[in-house]
Amino acid sequence: MTEATTTRSRTLVGKVVSDKRAKTVTVMVERRVKHELYGKIVTLSSKYHAHDEDNQYKLGDVIEITESRPLSKTKNWVTTRLVQKAELV
């Protein structure tokens, strides 16, 4: 067998909730799931630290992140692309 197997890395879309650290953004990813017992739709959120090499993403931006090798103790994700720019208030 000479054909190589390609592994698809996980991608998530979330909102930047912190951009205070150098080359790092904190991204909150929300997902809606049905409660197992009561059947109500609930919103669950998770925060991920993602590597942002150029510090180009700011607070409120909606971005896509991709899983990567461990970059630090808490960073396992890399920013991929801008989905939606934050609105100016």
N, C-alpha and C. Protein backbone atom coordinates (compact mmCIF):
# COMPACT_ATOMS: atom_id res chain seq x y z
N MET A 1 0.84 -1.19 0.00
CA MET A 1 0.00 0.00 0.00
C MET A 1 0.88 1.24 0.00
N THR A 2 0.73 2.04 -1.03
CA THR A 2 1.55 3.24 -1.13
C THR A 2 0.76 4.52 -0.87
N GLU A 3 -0.55 4.42 -0.78
CA GLU A 3 -1.31 5.64 -0.57
C GLU A 3 -1.27 6.05 0.91
N ALA A 4 -1.04 7.33 1.12
CA ALA A 4 -0.92 7.86 2.48
C ALA A 4 -2.30 8.17 3.03
N THR A 5 -2.48 7.91 4.32
CA THR A 5 -3.76 8.24 4.95
C THR A 5 -3.70 9.67 5.45
N THR A 6 -4.73 10.44 5.15
CA THR A 6 -4.77 11.83 5.60
C THR A 6 -5.63 11.91 6.84
N THR A 7 -5.12 12.62 7.84
CA THR A 7 -5.88 12.80 9.07
C THR A 7 -6.48 14.19 9.05
N ARG A 8 -7.77 14.25 9.28
CA ARG A 8 -8.44 15.54 9.32
C ARG A 8 -8.34 16.10 10.74
N SER A 9 -7.80 17.31 10.84
CA SER A 9 -7.69 17.93 12.16
C SER A 9 -9.01 18.61 12.50
N ARG A 10 -9.31 18.66 13.79
CA ARG A 10 -10.57 19.27 14.24
C ARG A 10 -10.52 20.78 14.06
N THR A 11 -11.63 21.35 13.63
CA THR A 11 -11.75 22.79 13.55
C THR A 11 -12.99 23.23 14.30
N LEU A 12 -12.90 24.38 14.96
CA LEU A 12 -14.00 24.94 15.72
C LEU A 12 -14.14 26.42 15.38
N VAL A 13 -15.34 26.95 15.54
CA VAL A 13 -15.59 28.37 15.30
C VAL A 13 -16.07 28.97 16.61
N GLY A 14 -15.45 30.08 17.02
CA GLY A 14 -15.83 30.71 18.28
C GLY A 14 -15.48 32.18 18.29
N LYS A 15 -15.83 32.82 19.40
CA LYS A 15 -15.62 34.27 19.56
C LYS A 15 -14.41 34.52 20.45
N VAL A 16 -13.60 35.51 20.06
CA VAL A 16 -12.43 35.89 20.86
C VAL A 16 -12.93 36.64 22.10
N VAL A 17 -12.60 36.12 23.28
CA VAL A 17 -13.02 36.76 24.53
C VAL A 17 -11.85 37.43 25.25
N SER A 18 -10.61 37.14 24.82
CA SER A 18 -9.44 37.80 25.41
C SER A 18 -8.31 37.82 24.39
N ASP A 19 -7.66 38.98 24.27
CA ASP A 19 -6.49 39.10 23.39
C ASP A 19 -5.35 39.81 24.11
N LYS A 20 -5.29 39.67 25.43
CA LYS A 20 -4.33 40.40 26.24
C LYS A 20 -2.92 39.81 26.19
N ARG A 21 -2.81 38.51 25.96
CA ARG A 21 -1.49 37.88 25.96
C ARG A 21 -0.82 37.97 24.59
N ALA A 22 0.50 37.96 24.58
CA ALA A 22 1.25 38.06 23.33
C ALA A 22 1.11 36.76 22.54
N LYS A 23 0.74 36.88 21.28
CA LYS A 23 0.61 35.76 20.34
C LYS A 23 -0.40 34.70 20.78
N THR A 24 -1.35 35.07 21.64
CA THR A 24 -2.35 34.12 22.12
C THR A 24 -3.71 34.82 22.23
N VAL A 25 -4.74 34.12 21.79
CA VAL A 25 -6.11 34.59 22.00
C VAL A 25 -6.89 33.50 22.72
N THR A 26 -7.86 33.91 23.51
CA THR A 26 -8.76 32.97 24.17
C THR A 26 -10.07 32.98 23.39
N VAL A 27 -10.51 31.80 22.96
CA VAL A 27 -11.69 31.68 22.11
C VAL A 27 -12.75 30.88 22.86
N MET A 28 -13.98 31.44 22.93
CA MET A 28 -15.09 30.73 23.55
C MET A 28 -15.94 30.10 22.44
N VAL A 29 -16.09 28.78 22.54
CA VAL A 29 -16.89 28.04 21.57
C VAL A 29 -18.16 27.58 22.28
N GLU A 30 -19.30 27.98 21.73
CA GLU A 30 -20.59 27.60 22.32
C GLU A 30 -21.25 26.53 21.46
N ARG A 31 -21.90 25.58 22.13
CA ARG A 31 -22.64 24.56 21.41
C ARG A 31 -23.95 24.32 22.12
N ARG A 32 -24.97 23.98 21.35
CA ARG A 32 -26.30 23.74 21.90
C ARG A 32 -26.59 22.25 21.88
N VAL A 33 -26.94 21.71 23.06
CA VAL A 33 -27.23 20.29 23.17
C VAL A 33 -28.55 20.10 23.91
N LYS A 34 -29.17 18.98 23.67
CA LYS A 34 -30.41 18.65 24.35
C LYS A 34 -30.08 17.98 25.68
N HIS A 35 -30.70 18.45 26.77
CA HIS A 35 -30.47 17.87 28.08
C HIS A 35 -30.96 16.43 28.07
N GLU A 36 -30.14 15.54 28.63
CA GLU A 36 -30.42 14.11 28.54
C GLU A 36 -31.73 13.71 29.22
N LEU A 37 -32.00 14.28 30.40
CA LEU A 37 -33.18 13.88 31.16
C LEU A 37 -34.40 14.74 30.83
N TYR A 38 -34.21 16.06 30.78
CA TYR A 38 -35.36 16.96 30.67
C TYR A 38 -35.68 17.37 29.25
N GLY A 39 -34.79 17.15 28.31
CA GLY A 39 -35.08 17.45 26.92
C GLY A 39 -34.96 18.91 26.53
N LYS A 40 -34.59 19.77 27.46
CA LYS A 40 -34.44 21.20 27.17
C LYS A 40 -33.13 21.44 26.42
N ILE A 41 -33.14 22.38 25.48
CA ILE A 41 -31.93 22.75 24.77
C ILE A 41 -31.13 23.70 25.66
N VAL A 42 -29.90 23.31 25.98
CA VAL A 42 -29.03 24.13 26.82
C VAL A 42 -27.78 24.52 26.03
N THR A 43 -27.20 25.67 26.37
CA THR A 43 -25.99 26.14 25.71
C THR A 43 -24.79 25.85 26.59
N LEU A 44 -23.85 25.08 26.07
CA LEU A 44 -22.62 24.78 26.77
C LEU A 44 -21.48 25.52 26.09
N SER A 45 -20.54 26.03 26.88
CA SER A 45 -19.43 26.76 26.29
C SER A 45 -18.11 26.21 26.80
N SER A 46 -17.09 26.30 25.96
CA SER A 46 -15.74 25.89 26.31
C SER A 46 -14.78 26.96 25.83
N LYS A 47 -13.71 27.18 26.60
CA LYS A 47 -12.70 28.16 26.22
C LYS A 47 -11.43 27.44 25.79
N TYR A 48 -10.85 27.92 24.70
CA TYR A 48 -9.61 27.36 24.17
C TYR A 48 -8.60 28.49 23.99
N HIS A 49 -7.33 28.18 24.26
CA HIS A 49 -6.25 29.13 24.01
C HIS A 49 -5.67 28.77 22.64
N ALA A 50 -5.61 29.77 21.76
CA ALA A 50 -5.14 29.53 20.39
C ALA A 50 -3.96 30.45 20.08
N HIS A 51 -3.05 29.93 19.26
CA HIS A 51 -1.86 30.68 18.86
C HIS A 51 -2.21 31.66 17.74
N ASP A 52 -1.88 32.92 17.93
CA ASP A 52 -2.13 33.98 16.96
C ASP A 52 -0.79 34.67 16.70
N GLU A 53 -0.06 34.21 15.71
CA GLU A 53 1.32 34.65 15.47
C GLU A 53 1.45 36.15 15.27
N ASP A 54 0.54 36.77 14.52
CA ASP A 54 0.67 38.19 14.18
C ASP A 54 -0.17 39.11 15.06
N ASN A 55 -0.82 38.58 16.08
CA ASN A 55 -1.72 39.36 16.94
C ASN A 55 -2.76 40.12 16.10
N GLN A 56 -3.34 39.45 15.12
CA GLN A 56 -4.26 40.13 14.21
C GLN A 56 -5.72 40.04 14.63
N TYR A 57 -6.07 39.13 15.53
CA TYR A 57 -7.46 38.96 15.95
C TYR A 57 -7.71 39.72 17.24
N LYS A 58 -8.83 40.44 17.29
CA LYS A 58 -9.13 41.31 18.42
C LYS A 58 -10.39 40.83 19.14
N LEU A 59 -10.66 41.43 20.28
CA LEU A 59 -11.81 41.09 21.12
C LEU A 59 -13.11 41.20 20.33
N GLY A 60 -13.92 40.14 20.36
CA GLY A 60 -15.21 40.15 19.68
C GLY A 60 -15.20 39.53 18.30
N ASP A 61 -14.02 39.30 17.71
CA ASP A 61 -13.96 38.67 16.39
C ASP A 61 -14.43 37.22 16.48
N VAL A 62 -15.10 36.75 15.43
CA VAL A 62 -15.46 35.35 15.32
C VAL A 62 -14.44 34.70 14.39
N ILE A 63 -13.72 33.69 14.92
CA ILE A 63 -12.63 33.08 14.16
C ILE A 63 -12.76 31.57 14.15
N GLU A 64 -12.00 30.95 13.26
CA GLU A 64 -11.91 29.50 13.18
C GLU A 64 -10.56 29.07 13.74
N ILE A 65 -10.55 28.04 14.57
CA ILE A 65 -9.30 27.52 15.13
C ILE A 65 -9.17 26.05 14.75
N THR A 66 -7.92 25.61 14.61
CA THR A 66 -7.62 24.24 14.22
C THR A 66 -6.71 23.60 15.24
N GLU A 67 -6.96 22.35 15.55
CA GLU A 67 -6.15 21.63 16.52
C GLU A 67 -4.75 21.40 15.98
N SER A 68 -3.74 21.50 16.85
CA SER A 68 -2.35 21.31 16.43
C SER A 68 -1.58 20.59 17.52
N ARG A 69 -0.28 20.52 17.33
CA ARG A 69 0.56 19.92 18.35
C ARG A 69 0.59 20.86 19.56
N PRO A 70 0.94 20.38 20.75
CA PRO A 70 1.02 21.27 21.91
C PRO A 70 2.08 22.35 21.70
N LEU A 71 1.64 23.61 21.86
CA LEU A 71 2.55 24.74 21.69
C LEU A 71 3.02 25.28 23.04
N SER A 72 2.25 25.04 24.08
CA SER A 72 2.64 25.41 25.44
C SER A 72 1.82 24.53 26.38
N LYS A 73 1.83 24.87 27.65
CA LYS A 73 1.10 24.08 28.63
C LYS A 73 -0.40 24.06 28.34
N THR A 74 -0.96 25.17 27.88
CA THR A 74 -2.40 25.25 27.65
C THR A 74 -2.79 25.45 26.19
N LYS A 75 -1.85 25.69 25.29
CA LYS A 75 -2.16 25.98 23.88
C LYS A 75 -2.00 24.75 23.01
N ASN A 76 -3.13 24.26 22.45
CA ASN A 76 -3.12 23.15 21.50
C ASN A 76 -3.84 23.52 20.22
N TRP A 77 -4.16 24.79 20.03
CA TRP A 77 -4.94 25.24 18.88
C TRP A 77 -4.23 26.38 18.18
N VAL A 78 -4.49 26.53 16.87
CA VAL A 78 -3.90 27.59 16.06
C VAL A 78 -5.04 28.30 15.33
N THR A 79 -4.97 29.64 15.27
CA THR A 79 -5.99 30.39 14.54
C THR A 79 -5.84 30.13 13.05
N THR A 80 -6.98 29.94 12.37
CA THR A 80 -6.95 29.61 10.95
C THR A 80 -7.41 30.78 10.09
N ARG A 81 -8.62 31.29 10.39
CA ARG A 81 -9.14 32.36 9.54
C ARG A 81 -10.17 33.19 10.30
N LEU A 82 -10.42 34.38 9.79
CA LEU A 82 -11.42 35.28 10.34
C LEU A 82 -12.76 34.97 9.69
N VAL A 83 -13.77 34.71 10.52
CA VAL A 83 -15.11 34.43 10.00
C VAL A 83 -15.91 35.72 9.94
N GLN A 84 -15.87 36.50 11.05
CA GLN A 84 -16.61 37.75 11.12
C GLN A 84 -15.85 38.73 12.00
N LYS A 85 -15.69 39.95 11.48
CA LYS A 85 -15.00 41.00 12.23
C LYS A 85 -15.93 41.52 13.32
N ALA A 86 -15.36 41.94 14.45
CA ALA A 86 -16.15 42.47 15.56
C ALA A 86 -16.78 43.80 15.14
N GLU A 87 -18.00 44.04 15.61
CA GLU A 87 -18.68 45.29 15.31
C GLU A 87 -18.15 46.40 16.22
N LEU A 88 -17.97 47.57 15.66
CA LEU A 88 -17.55 48.72 16.44
C LEU A 88 -18.77 49.34 17.10
N VAL A 89 -18.68 49.62 18.39
CA VAL A 89 -19.83 50.19 19.11
C VAL A 89 -19.64 51.67 19.28
